[in-house]
Amino acid sequence: MKLLSGAIAAVDHGGSLGRASALFPHAPQPFVDLSTGINPHSYPLFDLPATALSRLPEAGQLRELAEIAASAYGAPSAMHVAAAPGTQILLPRVASLVRPGKALVLGPTYAEHARAAAIAGHAIAEVSDFDALAEADLAVLVNPNNPDGRVIEKARLLDLAARLRAKGGLLVVDEAFMDVGPIEQSLAGDLAAGGIVVLRSFGKFFGLAGVRLGFALADPLTAERLDAQLGPWAVAGPALEYGIRALSDAKWQADMRQRLAGDAVRLDALLGRFDVPAAGGTSLFRYLSFAEASTLFSALGERGVLVRHFAERPQVLRVGLPGNEAEWQRLEGALAGWAAQREDAPRESGR
């Protein structure tokens, strides 16, 4: 068990091009940003009605979005859905659903869950053993996990939820990447008994992170409580329009899953050509864990290709998908440059 101190401090994440420019000031621009795990093939943009910007969002539209989200994610009904301006804003609210106590996060994983639990007043620890979560008042895991893609089977999750529920605890399952995961392992359809909150992110799979839209799926009383905390007009008009359109578009979703799976296979092959092992991930990102990860991160960054590194785990990287052929070529060129540099290093050191 790893106790987390100073957990309320903000955490660095991928996607900051300003930080990348400061770290690699001589890198060619623009950066190829592979650091976020966000779909580079976004849902098609469309013209918004003027009322999406000029009027307050209508309650009827929010109900429509909840109904569509329930259908898309497999929740029992719209009453089980609380929509929010991104899942990030939900995290401390969800953590506050149980009285401050012992919060355990299955790690290593997305760091904001620990920070949100600390904000809610919980004592935080990170555990690597799934079974240890049963000791918590608030248990949190990401499924599929970020950044390694680990998947916990539904049967184990439901058993854990029952054990927590019996003592008034709560299981939070962040399914931000379940759009490209094994959907049969989702808990979205298993909310009726209570004691479970499932988080779903809109921006990652649909490639529209700036829309800021996310959902908490829970039993109706919990969903209503979260809605009340968020208050009226929490979801902006443009987010409502995009959420309703994209979540209704089953064909685009099916086609995109197939496209992303093909891109992930291509990325594996490209990394393999340069002896870079993929140790896990999803079809939106690949997880690398090997001794030369730090040097690869620096070599790619100096060539204008940004991947996600983890300061506390220097042997680990997460690599997203290039969005077009030019980006694929830049990644290939950067990998080739790193490989050549690695081959030259022994000769130089022997001089």
Protein backbone atom coordinates (compact mmCIF):
# COMPACT_ATOMS: atom_id res chain seq x y z
CA MET A 1 0.00 0.00 0.00
CA LYS A 2 1.38 3.39 -1.02
CA LEU A 3 0.25 6.33 1.11
CA LEU A 4 -0.20 9.48 -0.95
CA SER A 5 0.90 12.71 0.69
CA GLY A 6 0.21 16.14 -0.74
CA ALA A 7 -2.49 14.59 -2.90
CA ILE A 8 -4.41 17.86 -3.26
CA ALA A 9 -1.61 19.43 -5.32
CA ALA A 10 -2.36 19.68 -9.03
CA VAL A 11 -0.84 17.00 -11.23
CA ASP A 12 0.87 17.33 -14.61
CA HIS A 13 -0.94 15.63 -17.49
CA GLY A 14 -0.37 15.09 -21.17
CA GLY A 15 -1.51 17.53 -23.84
CA SER A 16 0.29 20.71 -22.74
CA LEU A 17 2.03 22.06 -25.82
CA GLY A 18 3.23 25.07 -23.84
CA ARG A 19 5.07 22.79 -21.45
CA ALA A 20 6.42 20.77 -24.36
CA SER A 21 7.81 23.92 -26.02
CA ALA A 22 9.55 24.90 -22.79
CA LEU A 23 11.03 21.42 -22.41
CA PHE A 24 12.08 21.10 -26.06
CA PRO A 25 12.64 24.70 -27.22
CA HIS A 26 14.48 23.70 -30.41
CA ALA A 27 12.03 21.03 -31.55
CA PRO A 28 10.47 21.46 -34.99
CA GLN A 29 6.96 22.88 -34.87
CA PRO A 30 4.14 22.06 -34.75
CA PHE A 31 4.47 19.21 -32.28
CA VAL A 32 2.92 15.87 -33.11
CA ASP A 33 1.02 15.45 -29.85
CA LEU A 34 0.70 11.75 -28.98
CA SER A 35 0.57 12.41 -25.23
CA THR A 36 -3.17 12.45 -24.50
CA GLY A 37 -4.85 9.21 -25.59
CA ILE A 38 -7.57 11.29 -27.26
CA ASN A 39 -8.92 10.05 -30.59
CA PRO A 40 -7.15 12.05 -33.34
CA HIS A 41 -10.07 11.38 -35.72
CA SER A 42 -12.72 13.52 -34.08
CA TYR A 43 -16.44 13.32 -34.65
CA PRO A 44 -17.28 15.57 -37.64
CA LEU A 45 -17.85 19.18 -36.72
CA PHE A 46 -21.16 20.73 -37.73
CA ASP A 47 -22.82 24.13 -37.64
CA LEU A 48 -24.45 24.81 -34.30
CA PRO A 49 -27.81 26.55 -34.06
CA ALA A 50 -27.40 30.11 -32.84
CA THR A 51 -29.53 29.29 -29.80
CA ALA A 52 -26.79 26.93 -28.54
CA LEU A 53 -24.80 30.05 -27.75
CA SER A 54 -27.42 32.77 -27.31
CA ARG A 55 -29.85 31.01 -24.93
CA LEU A 56 -29.54 29.13 -21.68
CA PRO A 57 -29.61 25.37 -22.24
CA GLU A 58 -33.11 23.89 -22.17
CA ALA A 59 -33.98 21.27 -19.56
CA GLY A 60 -35.63 19.21 -22.28
CA GLN A 61 -32.36 18.96 -24.17
CA LEU A 62 -30.58 17.76 -21.05
CA ARG A 63 -33.22 15.04 -20.60
CA GLU A 64 -32.78 14.06 -24.26
CA LEU A 65 -29.03 13.82 -23.78
CA ALA A 66 -29.47 11.65 -20.68
CA GLU A 67 -31.78 9.29 -22.58
CA ILE A 68 -29.35 8.98 -25.48
CA ALA A 69 -26.38 8.52 -23.13
CA ALA A 70 -28.22 5.77 -21.22
CA SER A 71 -28.86 3.94 -24.50
CA ALA A 72 -25.32 4.42 -25.81
CA TYR A 73 -23.62 3.30 -22.58
CA GLY A 74 -26.06 0.57 -21.58
CA ALA A 75 -27.44 2.20 -18.42
CA PRO A 76 -30.93 1.07 -17.34
CA SER A 77 -32.58 4.45 -18.01
CA ALA A 78 -32.03 8.20 -18.20
CA MET A 79 -32.76 8.35 -14.45
CA HIS A 80 -29.41 6.62 -13.93
CA VAL A 81 -27.47 9.35 -15.77
CA ALA A 82 -26.00 12.62 -14.48
CA ALA A 83 -24.43 14.75 -17.23
CA ALA A 84 -21.63 17.18 -16.41
CA PRO A 85 -19.17 19.53 -18.10
CA GLY A 86 -16.52 16.79 -18.21
CA THR A 87 -15.90 13.92 -15.82
CA GLN A 88 -13.13 15.89 -14.10
CA ILE A 89 -15.64 18.13 -12.34
CA LEU A 90 -17.52 15.04 -11.13
CA LEU A 91 -14.57 13.42 -9.34
CA PRO A 92 -14.65 15.31 -5.99
CA ARG A 93 -18.46 15.27 -6.01
CA VAL A 94 -18.53 11.51 -6.46
CA ALA A 95 -15.87 11.09 -3.77
CA SER A 96 -18.11 13.12 -1.43
CA LEU A 97 -20.98 10.65 -1.78
CA VAL A 98 -19.55 8.78 1.21
CA ARG A 99 -18.40 10.31 4.47
CA PRO A 100 -14.65 11.01 4.70
CA GLY A 101 -12.85 7.80 5.49
CA LYS A 102 -10.38 5.48 3.83
CA ALA A 103 -10.06 5.83 0.07
CA LEU A 104 -8.07 3.27 -1.90
CA VAL A 105 -7.15 3.71 -5.56
CA LEU A 106 -6.00 0.75 -7.66
CA GLY A 107 -2.78 1.98 -9.20
CA PRO A 108 -0.78 3.05 -10.87
CA THR A 109 -3.48 5.00 -12.68
CA TYR A 110 -4.92 8.42 -13.47
CA ALA A 111 -3.71 10.65 -10.65
CA GLU A 112 -6.76 12.92 -10.44
CA HIS A 113 -8.80 10.27 -8.62
CA ALA A 114 -6.52 10.43 -5.59
CA ARG A 115 -6.49 14.21 -5.67
CA ALA A 116 -10.29 14.39 -5.84
CA ALA A 117 -10.67 11.97 -2.93
CA ALA A 118 -8.28 14.10 -0.88
CA ILE A 119 -10.31 17.21 -1.69
CA ALA A 120 -13.38 15.33 -0.41
CA GLY A 121 -11.59 14.72 2.90
CA HIS A 122 -10.59 11.09 2.54
CA ALA A 123 -7.31 9.56 3.67
CA ILE A 124 -5.76 8.28 0.44
CA ALA A 125 -3.61 5.30 -0.41
CA GLU A 126 -2.73 3.62 -3.68
CA VAL A 127 -2.79 -0.18 -3.79
CA SER A 128 -1.60 -2.59 -6.45
CA ASP A 129 -3.66 -5.55 -5.20
CA PHE A 130 -7.30 -5.53 -6.36
CA ASP A 131 -8.45 -7.53 -3.31
CA ALA A 132 -7.13 -4.80 -0.99
CA LEU A 133 -9.87 -2.46 -2.27
CA ALA A 134 -12.39 -4.30 -0.08
CA GLU A 135 -10.85 -2.56 2.94
CA ALA A 136 -11.89 0.87 1.65
CA ASP A 137 -14.84 3.12 2.30
CA LEU A 138 -14.27 4.54 -1.16
CA ALA A 139 -12.66 2.25 -3.75
CA VAL A 140 -11.62 3.65 -7.14
CA LEU A 141 -10.30 1.97 -10.25
CA VAL A 142 -10.03 2.73 -13.95
CA ASN A 143 -11.27 0.06 -16.34
CA PRO A 144 -9.63 -0.29 -18.86
CA ASN A 145 -6.82 1.25 -16.89
CA ASN A 146 -4.88 4.33 -17.87
CA PRO A 147 -2.04 4.01 -18.81
CA ASP A 148 -1.51 0.23 -19.09
CA GLY A 149 -4.91 -0.95 -20.36
CA ARG A 150 -5.43 -3.48 -17.57
CA VAL A 151 -9.02 -4.82 -17.44
CA ILE A 152 -10.77 -6.13 -14.33
CA GLU A 153 -13.56 -8.64 -15.00
CA LYS A 154 -17.13 -7.61 -14.22
CA ALA A 155 -17.75 -10.53 -11.84
CA ARG A 156 -14.90 -9.40 -9.59
CA LEU A 157 -16.14 -5.81 -9.67
CA LEU A 158 -19.68 -6.79 -8.74
CA ASP A 159 -18.43 -8.90 -5.85
CA LEU A 160 -16.34 -5.98 -4.61
CA ALA A 161 -19.30 -3.60 -4.98
CA ALA A 162 -21.49 -5.89 -2.87
CA ARG A 163 -18.88 -6.07 -0.11
CA LEU A 164 -18.50 -2.28 -0.06
CA ARG A 165 -22.25 -1.68 -0.21
CA ALA A 166 -22.80 -3.92 2.84
CA LYS A 167 -20.80 -1.47 4.96
CA GLY A 168 -22.03 1.73 3.33
CA GLY A 169 -19.06 2.09 1.00
CA LEU A 170 -18.85 3.05 -2.66
CA LEU A 171 -17.14 1.61 -5.73
CA VAL A 172 -16.18 4.12 -8.43
CA VAL A 173 -15.25 2.67 -11.82
CA ASP A 174 -13.84 5.12 -14.35
CA GLU A 175 -14.68 3.72 -17.79
CA ALA A 176 -13.19 6.62 -19.73
CA PHE A 177 -11.71 4.21 -22.29
CA MET A 178 -14.48 1.60 -22.30
CA ASP A 179 -15.68 2.93 -25.68
CA VAL A 180 -12.69 1.02 -27.10
CA GLY A 181 -12.61 -1.65 -24.37
CA PRO A 182 -14.36 -4.98 -23.77
CA ILE A 183 -17.89 -3.65 -23.36
CA GLU A 184 -19.03 -6.90 -21.70
CA GLN A 185 -16.94 -5.88 -18.67
CA SER A 186 -18.74 -2.54 -18.22
CA LEU A 187 -20.78 -1.98 -15.07
CA ALA A 188 -23.10 0.53 -16.77
CA GLY A 189 -25.99 -1.93 -16.71
CA ASP A 190 -25.48 -3.02 -13.08
CA LEU A 191 -26.41 0.09 -11.15
CA ALA A 192 -29.80 -0.70 -9.62
CA ALA A 193 -28.57 -2.07 -6.28
CA GLY A 194 -26.58 1.10 -5.56
CA GLY A 195 -23.06 1.47 -4.25
CA ILE A 196 -21.60 1.87 -7.76
CA VAL A 197 -20.77 4.96 -9.79
CA VAL A 198 -19.52 4.51 -13.34
CA LEU A 199 -17.83 7.45 -15.05
CA ARG A 200 -17.92 7.82 -18.82
CA SER A 201 -15.94 10.38 -20.81
CA PHE A 202 -17.26 11.85 -24.06
CA GLY A 203 -14.17 13.70 -25.27
CA LYS A 204 -11.69 10.85 -25.54
CA PHE A 205 -13.44 8.48 -27.94
CA PHE A 206 -15.21 11.20 -29.90
CA GLY A 207 -12.01 13.28 -30.06
CA LEU A 208 -13.76 16.41 -28.77
CA ALA A 209 -12.07 16.98 -25.42
CA GLY A 210 -12.67 20.72 -25.63
CA VAL A 211 -16.44 20.22 -25.61
CA ARG A 212 -16.16 19.25 -21.91
CA LEU A 213 -18.82 16.62 -21.48
CA GLY A 214 -18.93 13.58 -19.23
CA PHE A 215 -21.36 11.38 -17.34
CA ALA A 216 -21.81 9.69 -13.99
CA LEU A 217 -23.95 6.54 -14.18
CA ALA A 218 -25.47 5.46 -10.87
CA ASP A 219 -28.69 4.44 -9.14
CA PRO A 220 -31.42 7.08 -9.59
CA LEU A 221 -31.08 8.63 -6.13
CA THR A 222 -27.33 9.06 -6.53
CA ALA A 223 -27.70 10.45 -10.06
CA GLU A 224 -30.30 12.92 -8.79
CA ARG A 225 -27.99 13.96 -5.95
CA LEU A 226 -25.16 14.65 -8.40
CA ASP A 227 -27.49 16.58 -10.69
CA ALA A 228 -28.56 18.74 -7.75
CA GLN A 229 -24.94 19.50 -6.85
CA LEU A 230 -24.15 20.53 -10.42
CA GLY A 231 -27.18 22.80 -10.57
CA PRO A 232 -29.05 24.14 -13.59
CA TRP A 233 -27.36 24.73 -16.96
CA ALA A 234 -24.27 22.72 -16.00
CA VAL A 235 -23.87 21.37 -19.54
CA ALA A 236 -23.35 24.11 -22.11
CA GLY A 237 -25.49 24.41 -25.23
CA PRO A 238 -22.75 23.37 -27.68
CA ALA A 239 -21.94 20.31 -25.54
CA LEU A 240 -25.60 19.30 -25.55
CA GLU A 241 -25.74 19.56 -29.34
CA TYR A 242 -22.58 17.51 -29.87
CA GLY A 243 -23.47 14.96 -27.23
CA ILE A 244 -26.92 14.31 -28.66
CA ARG A 245 -25.66 14.05 -32.23
CA ALA A 246 -22.54 11.94 -31.60
CA LEU A 247 -23.94 9.53 -29.03
CA SER A 248 -26.85 8.83 -31.38
CA ASP A 249 -24.55 8.02 -34.30
CA ALA A 250 -24.06 4.27 -33.87
CA LYS A 251 -22.61 3.80 -37.36
CA TRP A 252 -19.86 6.37 -36.79
CA GLN A 253 -19.01 4.71 -33.49
CA ALA A 254 -18.79 1.22 -35.00
CA ASP A 255 -16.71 2.43 -37.94
CA MET A 256 -14.40 4.38 -35.63
CA ARG A 257 -13.76 1.39 -33.37
CA GLN A 258 -12.67 -0.57 -36.41
CA ARG A 259 -10.46 2.26 -37.64
CA LEU A 260 -8.79 2.73 -34.27
CA ALA A 261 -8.12 -1.00 -33.95
CA GLY A 262 -6.34 -0.89 -37.31
CA ASP A 263 -4.33 2.17 -36.29
CA ALA A 264 -3.26 0.44 -33.07
CA VAL A 265 -2.01 -2.58 -35.02
CA ARG A 266 -0.07 -0.20 -37.29
CA LEU A 267 1.46 1.53 -34.27
CA ASP A 268 2.52 -1.80 -32.77
CA ALA A 269 4.23 -2.73 -36.04
CA LEU A 270 6.02 0.62 -36.26
CA LEU A 271 7.27 0.45 -32.68
CA GLY A 272 8.33 -3.16 -33.21
CA ARG A 273 10.52 -2.19 -36.18
CA PHE A 274 12.66 -0.20 -33.74
CA ASP A 275 12.59 -2.82 -30.96
CA VAL A 276 10.25 -0.77 -28.78
CA PRO A 277 8.01 -3.21 -26.90
CA ALA A 278 4.31 -2.45 -26.39
CA ALA A 279 3.39 -3.81 -22.97
CA GLY A 280 -0.31 -2.99 -23.00
CA GLY A 281 -2.83 -0.24 -23.70
CA THR A 282 -6.06 0.20 -25.64
CA SER A 283 -6.71 1.00 -29.29
CA LEU A 284 -6.38 4.70 -28.39
CA PHE A 285 -2.90 4.40 -26.88
CA ARG A 286 -0.04 2.01 -26.30
CA TYR A 287 1.77 1.49 -23.01
CA LEU A 288 5.54 1.10 -23.08
CA SER A 289 7.59 -0.12 -20.16
CA PHE A 290 11.31 -0.60 -20.82
CA ALA A 291 14.67 0.62 -19.59
CA GLU A 292 15.28 3.15 -22.37
CA ALA A 293 11.93 4.93 -22.02
CA SER A 294 13.44 8.19 -20.72
CA THR A 295 15.92 8.47 -23.57
CA LEU A 296 13.18 7.69 -26.08
CA PHE A 297 10.94 10.39 -24.59
CA SER A 298 13.73 12.97 -24.93
CA ALA A 299 14.75 11.86 -28.40
CA LEU A 300 11.19 12.05 -29.70
CA GLY A 301 10.57 15.39 -28.00
CA GLU A 302 13.67 16.94 -29.53
CA ARG A 303 12.29 15.89 -32.92
CA GLY A 304 8.88 17.42 -32.24
CA VAL A 305 6.97 14.28 -31.24
CA LEU A 306 5.41 14.48 -27.78
CA VAL A 307 4.51 11.31 -25.87
CA ARG A 308 3.37 10.93 -22.26
CA HIS A 309 6.04 10.30 -19.68
CA PHE A 310 5.60 9.77 -15.95
CA ALA A 311 8.09 11.45 -13.63
CA GLU A 312 7.56 8.91 -10.87
CA ARG A 313 7.99 5.98 -13.29
CA PRO A 314 10.78 6.91 -15.71
CA GLN A 315 10.69 3.51 -17.41
CA VAL A 316 7.11 4.05 -18.61
CA LEU A 317 5.64 5.89 -21.62
CA ARG A 318 2.19 6.14 -23.15
CA VAL A 319 1.95 6.73 -26.90
CA GLY A 320 -1.22 7.85 -28.66
CA LEU A 321 -2.16 7.48 -32.31
CA PRO A 322 -0.97 9.77 -35.10
CA GLY A 323 -3.85 11.51 -36.81
CA ASN A 324 -2.69 11.57 -40.44
CA GLU A 325 0.03 10.29 -42.76
CA ALA A 326 2.27 13.28 -42.13
CA GLU A 327 2.21 12.55 -38.41
CA TRP A 328 2.90 8.86 -39.00
CA GLN A 329 5.92 9.82 -41.08
CA ARG A 330 7.20 12.23 -38.44
CA LEU A 331 6.87 9.55 -35.76
CA GLU A 332 8.69 7.04 -37.97
CA GLY A 333 11.46 9.56 -38.65
CA ALA A 334 11.83 10.39 -34.96
CA LEU A 335 12.04 6.71 -34.05
CA ALA A 336 14.64 6.15 -36.77
CA GLY A 337 16.68 9.08 -35.43
CA TRP A 338 16.54 7.66 -31.92
CA ALA A 339 17.56 4.22 -33.16
CA ALA A 340 20.54 5.65 -35.05
CA GLN A 341 21.55 7.68 -32.01
CA ARG A 342 21.34 4.54 -29.84
CA GLU A 343 23.54 2.58 -32.25
CA ASP A 344 26.15 5.33 -32.34
CA ALA A 345 26.36 5.66 -28.55
CA PRO A 346 28.61 2.58 -27.90
CA ARG A 347 31.03 3.60 -30.62
CA GLU A 348 31.26 7.14 -29.28
CA SER A 349 31.79 5.96 -25.71
CA GLY A 350 34.62 3.70 -26.85
CA ARG A 351 36.65 6.49 -28.41
